[in-house]
């Protein structure tokens, strides 16, 4: 009976040793999994930090781009206003040029009439100069 009990205890001890070894394997696996999770968590945090910095950088670039766009819009508006003023001025100048062309045409007609009249008067003067000796006699 003692021998049976001793054998039974030895079997139980072997069983306990086996279970202990299995538990140690499980503990090592769990520790490895924990280390893997911590590493993944660390790299994920690093990626999140990098993403956050990149996001901040992109937001700054977007604000800069908006400022530049506002400046370009302002410059465009100024140029458009200048162009409108230039077009207005050009139209006025064209109107003045047209008036001057009309006046110029009228002056040329007047000059032509005056030239014709001077020519007629010169002819009359020449005839009268020729006639003057006849009248003196």
Protein backbone atom coordinates (compact mmCIF):
# COMPACT_ATOMS: atom_id res chain seq x y z
CA UNK A 1 0.00 0.00 0.00
CA UNK A 2 2.78 2.48 0.77
CA UNK A 3 4.45 1.53 -2.45
CA UNK A 4 1.25 2.24 -4.32
CA UNK A 5 0.93 5.54 -2.56
CA UNK A 6 4.59 6.34 -3.32
CA UNK A 7 4.09 5.44 -6.94
CA UNK A 8 0.95 7.51 -7.02
CA UNK A 9 2.81 10.49 -5.49
CA UNK A 10 5.66 10.04 -7.97
CA UNK A 11 3.13 10.04 -10.81
CA UNK A 12 1.53 13.13 -9.34
CA UNK A 13 4.96 14.78 -9.03
CA UNK A 14 5.70 13.97 -12.67
CA UNK A 15 2.33 15.28 -13.62
CA UNK A 16 2.99 18.45 -11.63
CA UNK A 17 6.44 18.85 -13.25
CA UNK A 18 4.87 18.40 -16.67
CA UNK A 19 2.13 20.95 -15.89
CA UNK A 20 4.76 23.32 -14.49
CA UNK A 21 6.79 23.02 -17.70
CA UNK A 22 3.65 23.60 -19.77
CA UNK A 23 2.78 26.65 -17.65
CA UNK A 24 6.30 28.01 -18.13
CA UNK A 25 5.92 27.58 -21.90
CA UNK A 26 2.57 29.37 -21.78
CA UNK A 27 4.07 32.15 -19.59
CA UNK A 28 6.95 32.59 -22.06
CA UNK A 29 4.49 32.71 -24.99
CA UNK A 30 2.35 35.25 -23.16
CA UNK A 31 5.41 37.35 -22.33
CA UNK A 32 6.46 37.21 -25.99
CA UNK A 33 2.97 38.25 -27.08
CA UNK A 34 3.04 41.07 -24.51
CA UNK A 35 6.43 42.22 -25.83
CA UNK A 36 5.11 42.07 -29.41
CA UNK A 37 2.06 44.12 -28.42
CA UNK A 38 4.25 46.67 -26.62
CA UNK A 39 6.53 46.93 -29.66
CA UNK A 40 3.54 47.36 -31.94
CA UNK A 41 2.09 49.93 -29.56
CA UNK A 42 5.39 51.80 -29.53
CA UNK A 43 5.70 51.81 -33.33
CA UNK A 44 2.02 52.76 -33.65
CA UNK A 45 2.57 55.67 -31.27
CA UNK A 46 5.60 56.75 -33.29
CA UNK A 47 3.51 56.59 -36.50
CA UNK A 48 0.72 58.53 -34.81
CA UNK A 49 3.18 61.20 -33.65
CA UNK A 50 4.65 61.44 -37.15
CA UNK A 51 1.16 61.66 -38.64
CA UNK A 52 0.23 64.40 -36.18
CA UNK A 53 3.34 66.40 -37.07
CA UNK A 54 2.65 65.90 -40.77
CA UNK A 55 -0.97 66.99 -40.26
CA UNK A 56 0.17 70.16 -38.46
CA UNK A 57 2.66 70.82 -41.28
CA UNK A 58 -0.07 70.37 -43.90
CA UNK A 59 -2.41 72.70 -41.99
CA UNK A 60 0.34 75.35 -41.89
CA UNK A 61 0.94 74.92 -45.61
CA UNK A 62 -2.78 75.22 -46.24
CA UNK A 63 -2.94 78.47 -44.24
CA UNK A 64 0.06 79.81 -46.18
CA UNK A 65 -1.62 78.81 -49.44
CA UNK A 66 -4.82 80.57 -48.40
CA UNK A 67 -2.87 83.74 -47.58
CA UNK A 68 -1.12 83.58 -50.97
CA UNK A 69 -4.46 82.99 -52.68
CA UNK A 70 -5.93 86.02 -50.92
CA UNK A 71 -2.94 88.11 -52.02
CA UNK A 72 -3.33 86.88 -55.60
CA UNK A 73 -7.06 87.67 -55.51
CA UNK A 74 -6.29 91.15 -54.21
CA UNK A 75 -3.67 91.70 -56.92
CA UNK A 76 -6.07 90.36 -59.53
CA UNK A 77 -8.76 92.79 -58.33
CA UNK A 78 -6.29 95.68 -58.51
CA UNK A 79 -5.27 94.69 -62.04
CA UNK A 80 -8.90 94.31 -63.04
CA UNK A 81 -9.69 97.77 -61.64
CA UNK A 82 -6.70 99.24 -63.50
CA UNK A 83 -7.82 97.52 -66.69
CA UNK A 84 -11.33 98.91 -66.28
CA UNK A 85 -9.90 102.42 -65.74
CA UNK A 86 -7.63 102.00 -68.76
CA UNK A 87 -10.54 100.87 -70.94
CA UNK A 88 -12.60 103.87 -69.77
CA UNK A 89 -9.69 106.20 -70.50
CA UNK A 90 -9.13 104.58 -73.91
CA UNK A 91 -12.78 105.06 -74.83
CA UNK A 92 -12.59 108.73 -73.80
CA UNK A 93 -9.40 109.14 -75.83
CA UNK A 94 -11.05 107.47 -78.83
CA UNK A 95 -13.98 109.86 -78.46
CA UNK A 96 -11.62 112.85 -78.35
CA UNK A 97 -9.65 111.49 -81.31
CA UNK A 98 -12.88 111.14 -83.30
CA UNK A 99 -13.88 114.71 -82.44
CA UNK A 100 -10.42 115.91 -83.50
CA UNK A 101 -10.69 113.98 -86.78
CA UNK A 102 -14.05 115.64 -87.48
CA UNK A 103 -12.63 119.07 -86.58
CA UNK A 104 -9.55 118.34 -88.72
CA UNK A 105 -11.75 117.43 -91.69
CA UNK A 106 -13.77 120.61 -91.22
CA UNK A 107 -10.58 122.71 -90.98
CA UNK A 108 -9.24 121.09 -94.17
CA UNK A 109 -12.46 121.96 -95.95
CA UNK A 110 -12.20 125.52 -94.68
CA UNK A 111 -8.54 125.70 -95.77
CA UNK A 112 -9.48 124.31 -99.19
CA UNK A 113 -12.22 126.95 -99.53
CA UNK A 114 -9.81 129.66 -98.42
CA UNK A 115 -7.15 128.40 -100.88
CA UNK A 116 -9.72 128.48 -103.66
CA UNK A 117 -10.83 131.96 -102.63
CA UNK A 118 -7.20 133.20 -102.45
CA UNK A 119 -6.57 131.73 -105.88
CA UNK A 120 -9.62 133.56 -107.27
CA UNK A 121 -8.57 136.79 -105.60
CA UNK A 122 -5.02 136.43 -106.96
CA UNK A 123 -6.43 135.97 -110.44
CA UNK A 124 -8.63 139.03 -109.98
CA UNK A 125 -5.61 140.95 -108.70
CA UNK A 126 -3.53 139.89 -111.67
CA UNK A 127 -6.24 140.97 -114.08
CA UNK A 128 -6.67 144.22 -112.33
CA UNK A 129 -2.87 144.76 -112.39
CA UNK A 130 -2.98 144.22 -116.08
CA UNK A 131 -5.85 146.62 -116.38
CA UNK A 132 -4.26 149.26 -114.25
CA UNK A 133 -2.06 150.65 -117.02
CA UNK A 134 -5.10 150.91 -119.27
CA UNK A 135 -6.97 152.90 -116.64
CA UNK A 136 -4.03 155.23 -116.08
CA UNK A 137 -4.02 156.39 -119.60
